[in-house]
Protein backbone atom coordinates (compact mmCIF):
# COMPACT_ATOMS: atom_id res chain seq x y z
CA MET A 1 -0.05 -0.02 0.02
CA ARG A 2 1.44 3.41 -0.99
CA THR A 3 0.99 6.19 1.55
CA ASP A 4 2.13 9.14 -0.55
CA PRO A 5 -0.23 11.78 0.14
CA THR A 6 -0.30 12.77 -3.59
CA ASP A 7 -1.34 9.32 -4.40
CA ASN A 8 -4.44 9.09 -2.01
CA GLY A 9 -5.65 12.66 -1.98
CA GLY A 10 -3.93 13.64 1.17
CA LEU A 11 -5.23 10.85 3.32
CA PHE A 12 -3.05 8.12 4.66
CA VAL A 13 -5.81 5.71 4.85
CA GLY A 14 -6.54 5.20 1.32
CA ARG A 15 -7.99 6.89 -1.81
CA ARG A 16 -11.01 9.11 -1.55
CA PRO A 17 -14.19 7.74 -3.20
CA GLY A 18 -14.42 8.73 -6.87
CA THR A 19 -10.85 9.83 -7.35
CA ALA A 20 -9.42 6.57 -8.73
CA PRO A 21 -7.88 6.77 -12.36
CA ILE A 22 -10.28 6.03 -15.24
CA ARG A 23 -9.85 2.40 -16.53
CA TYR A 24 -11.88 1.42 -19.58
CA ARG A 25 -12.81 -2.12 -20.06
CA ALA A 26 -11.91 -2.07 -23.66
CA LEU A 27 -10.92 0.43 -26.16
CA PRO A 28 -14.00 1.85 -28.02
CA LYS A 29 -14.48 0.67 -31.50
CA ARG A 30 -13.91 3.23 -34.30
CA LYS A 31 -16.82 4.08 -36.44
CA GLY A 32 -14.70 5.19 -39.50
CA GLU A 33 -12.86 8.36 -40.63
CA LEU A 34 -15.93 9.89 -42.06
CA ARG A 35 -17.91 9.46 -38.74
CA GLU A 36 -15.04 10.92 -36.87
CA ARG A 37 -14.78 14.07 -39.03
CA ALA A 38 -18.59 14.47 -38.65
CA ASP A 39 -18.22 14.36 -34.95
CA ALA A 40 -15.27 16.76 -34.91
CA SER A 41 -17.27 19.16 -37.01
CA PHE A 42 -20.24 18.98 -34.62
CA ALA A 43 -17.86 19.53 -31.57
CA ASN A 44 -16.67 22.75 -33.41
CA ILE A 45 -20.36 23.73 -34.01
CA ILE A 46 -20.85 23.33 -30.11
CA LEU A 47 -17.75 25.05 -29.18
CA ALA A 48 -19.04 28.06 -31.21
CA GLY A 49 -22.27 28.00 -29.44
CA ILE A 50 -20.32 27.96 -26.12
CA VAL A 51 -18.36 30.97 -27.33
CA GLY A 52 -21.42 32.78 -28.38
CA LEU A 53 -23.31 32.32 -25.30
CA SER A 54 -20.31 33.21 -23.10
CA ILE A 55 -20.18 36.43 -25.06
CA LEU A 56 -23.87 37.11 -24.47
CA CYS A 57 -23.25 36.94 -20.76
CA TRP A 58 -20.81 39.89 -20.85
CA GLY A 59 -22.69 42.52 -22.85
CA PRO A 60 -26.07 41.80 -24.28
CA ILE A 61 -27.68 40.07 -21.46
CA PRO A 62 -26.88 42.77 -18.82
CA ILE A 63 -27.91 45.54 -21.32
CA ALA A 64 -31.14 43.81 -22.14
CA CYS A 65 -31.79 43.51 -18.49
CA LEU A 66 -31.12 47.26 -17.97
CA TRP A 67 -33.49 48.01 -20.84
CA VAL A 68 -36.30 45.91 -19.27
CA GLY A 69 -35.70 47.74 -15.86
CA SER A 70 -35.82 51.14 -17.56
CA GLU A 71 -39.03 50.23 -19.54
CA LEU A 72 -40.74 49.15 -16.33
CA ASP A 73 -39.66 52.29 -14.62
CA TYR A 74 -41.10 54.41 -17.45
CA VAL A 75 -44.28 52.57 -17.38
CA SER A 76 -44.99 52.37 -13.71
CA GLY A 77 -43.10 55.49 -12.60
CA SER A 78 -41.25 53.39 -9.86
CA VAL A 79 -37.34 53.45 -9.88
CA SER A 80 -37.47 50.80 -7.22
CA LEU A 81 -39.57 48.50 -9.37
CA GLY A 82 -37.42 49.09 -12.34
CA ILE A 83 -34.26 48.26 -10.44
CA LEU A 84 -35.83 45.08 -8.87
CA ALA A 85 -37.02 43.86 -12.37
CA ALA A 86 -33.57 44.41 -14.00
CA PHE A 87 -32.06 42.36 -11.04
CA VAL A 88 -34.38 39.54 -11.29
CA ALA A 89 -34.10 39.51 -15.06
CA LEU A 90 -30.30 39.47 -14.82
CA PHE A 91 -30.40 36.62 -12.26
CA ALA A 92 -32.62 34.47 -14.36
CA LEU A 93 -31.05 35.13 -17.70
CA LEU A 94 -27.26 34.71 -16.32
CA PHE A 95 -27.89 31.55 -14.42
CA GLY A 96 -30.09 30.15 -17.28
CA ALA A 97 -27.14 30.98 -19.54
CA LEU A 98 -24.72 29.16 -17.22
CA SER A 99 -26.86 26.21 -16.97
CA LEU A 100 -27.10 26.02 -20.57
CA LEU A 101 -23.36 26.49 -20.89
CA LYS A 102 -22.64 23.55 -18.54
CA ARG A 103 -24.85 21.29 -20.62
CA LEU A 104 -23.25 22.34 -23.82
CA ASP A 105 -19.92 21.58 -22.23
CA GLN A 106 -20.87 18.07 -21.37
CA SER A 107 -22.12 17.52 -24.92
CA TRP A 108 -19.01 18.77 -26.21
CA ILE A 109 -16.95 16.37 -24.13
CA LEU A 110 -19.10 13.48 -25.34
CA VAL A 111 -18.94 14.43 -29.14
CA ARG A 112 -15.18 14.98 -28.76
CA ARG A 113 -14.77 11.58 -27.29
CA ALA A 114 -16.95 10.17 -30.12
CA ALA A 115 -14.67 12.02 -32.62
CA GLY A 116 -11.72 9.92 -31.27
CA PHE A 117 -10.16 12.51 -28.83
CA ASP A 118 -9.32 11.46 -25.20
CA GLN A 119 -11.37 14.39 -23.82
CA ARG A 120 -11.75 14.19 -20.08
CA THR A 121 -12.45 17.83 -19.14
CA GLY A 122 -14.53 20.51 -20.56
CA ILE A 123 -13.68 23.67 -22.28
CA MET A 124 -16.20 25.99 -20.66
CA PRO A 125 -14.09 27.53 -17.97
CA ARG A 126 -11.35 28.49 -20.36
CA VAL A 127 -13.83 29.94 -22.98
CA PHE A 128 -15.59 31.88 -20.24
CA ALA A 129 -12.37 33.16 -18.78
CA ILE A 130 -11.09 34.21 -22.21
CA THR A 131 -14.40 35.90 -23.20
CA ALA A 132 -14.25 37.82 -19.99
CA GLY A 133 -10.90 39.12 -20.70
CA VAL A 134 -11.64 40.04 -24.35
CA CYS A 135 -14.92 41.82 -23.27
CA ALA A 136 -13.05 43.60 -20.49
CA ILE A 137 -10.43 44.71 -23.02
CA ALA A 138 -13.06 45.81 -25.42
CA PHE A 139 -14.91 47.81 -22.70
CA VAL A 140 -11.81 49.60 -21.63
CA LEU A 141 -10.96 50.54 -25.27
CA TRP A 142 -14.55 51.86 -25.77
CA PHE A 143 -14.52 53.70 -22.65
CA VAL A 144 -11.19 55.41 -22.81
CA VAL A 145 -10.68 55.69 -26.54
CA ILE A 146 -14.02 56.00 -28.36
CA HIS A 147 -16.39 57.36 -25.76
CA GLY A 148 -13.78 59.27 -23.73
CA PRO A 149 -14.76 60.26 -20.17
CA GLY A 150 -13.97 63.86 -20.94
CA SER A 151 -12.94 64.13 -24.37
CA SER A 152 -13.77 67.19 -26.24
CA PHE A 153 -13.07 65.79 -29.75
CA ILE A 154 -15.21 62.71 -29.71
CA SER A 155 -18.97 62.39 -28.69
CA GLY A 156 -19.57 62.83 -24.94
CA GLY A 157 -17.25 65.73 -24.55
CA SER A 158 -18.22 69.24 -23.42
CA GLY A 159 -16.79 70.90 -26.36
CA VAL A 160 -15.40 73.65 -24.20
């Protein structure tokens, strides 16, 4: 019995449940080159959906929720009701998008395995982090360069 903490999850009594290495009974049978190419193409389509939905989480969904809140504020005349509606819509849409992203990520893993890749982890955390970085850079560029918080040469400036 090995007692190295890196082998047994830090416990000296044995491995934690569910942390054993994955062992397949037999290698999966290949369905052919054409089938694997079709599965790889489908995995790329799913990946494009993950990227698109991740980008929606950083811009269009929050803007849409702000719009809903402002419309409700305009109709009802209550700022508090508009803010509440915007937060409820944001909560529902973002958590719904994250739930859909998780399901797409699991589907992507399965399709990649069907395409012949040894895929054990998903790509959603990496895609979400990359889209967050890209959208943050785009926002900073828009805020500082295009809009300019005090520029007199471009829109939004005082002109004085």
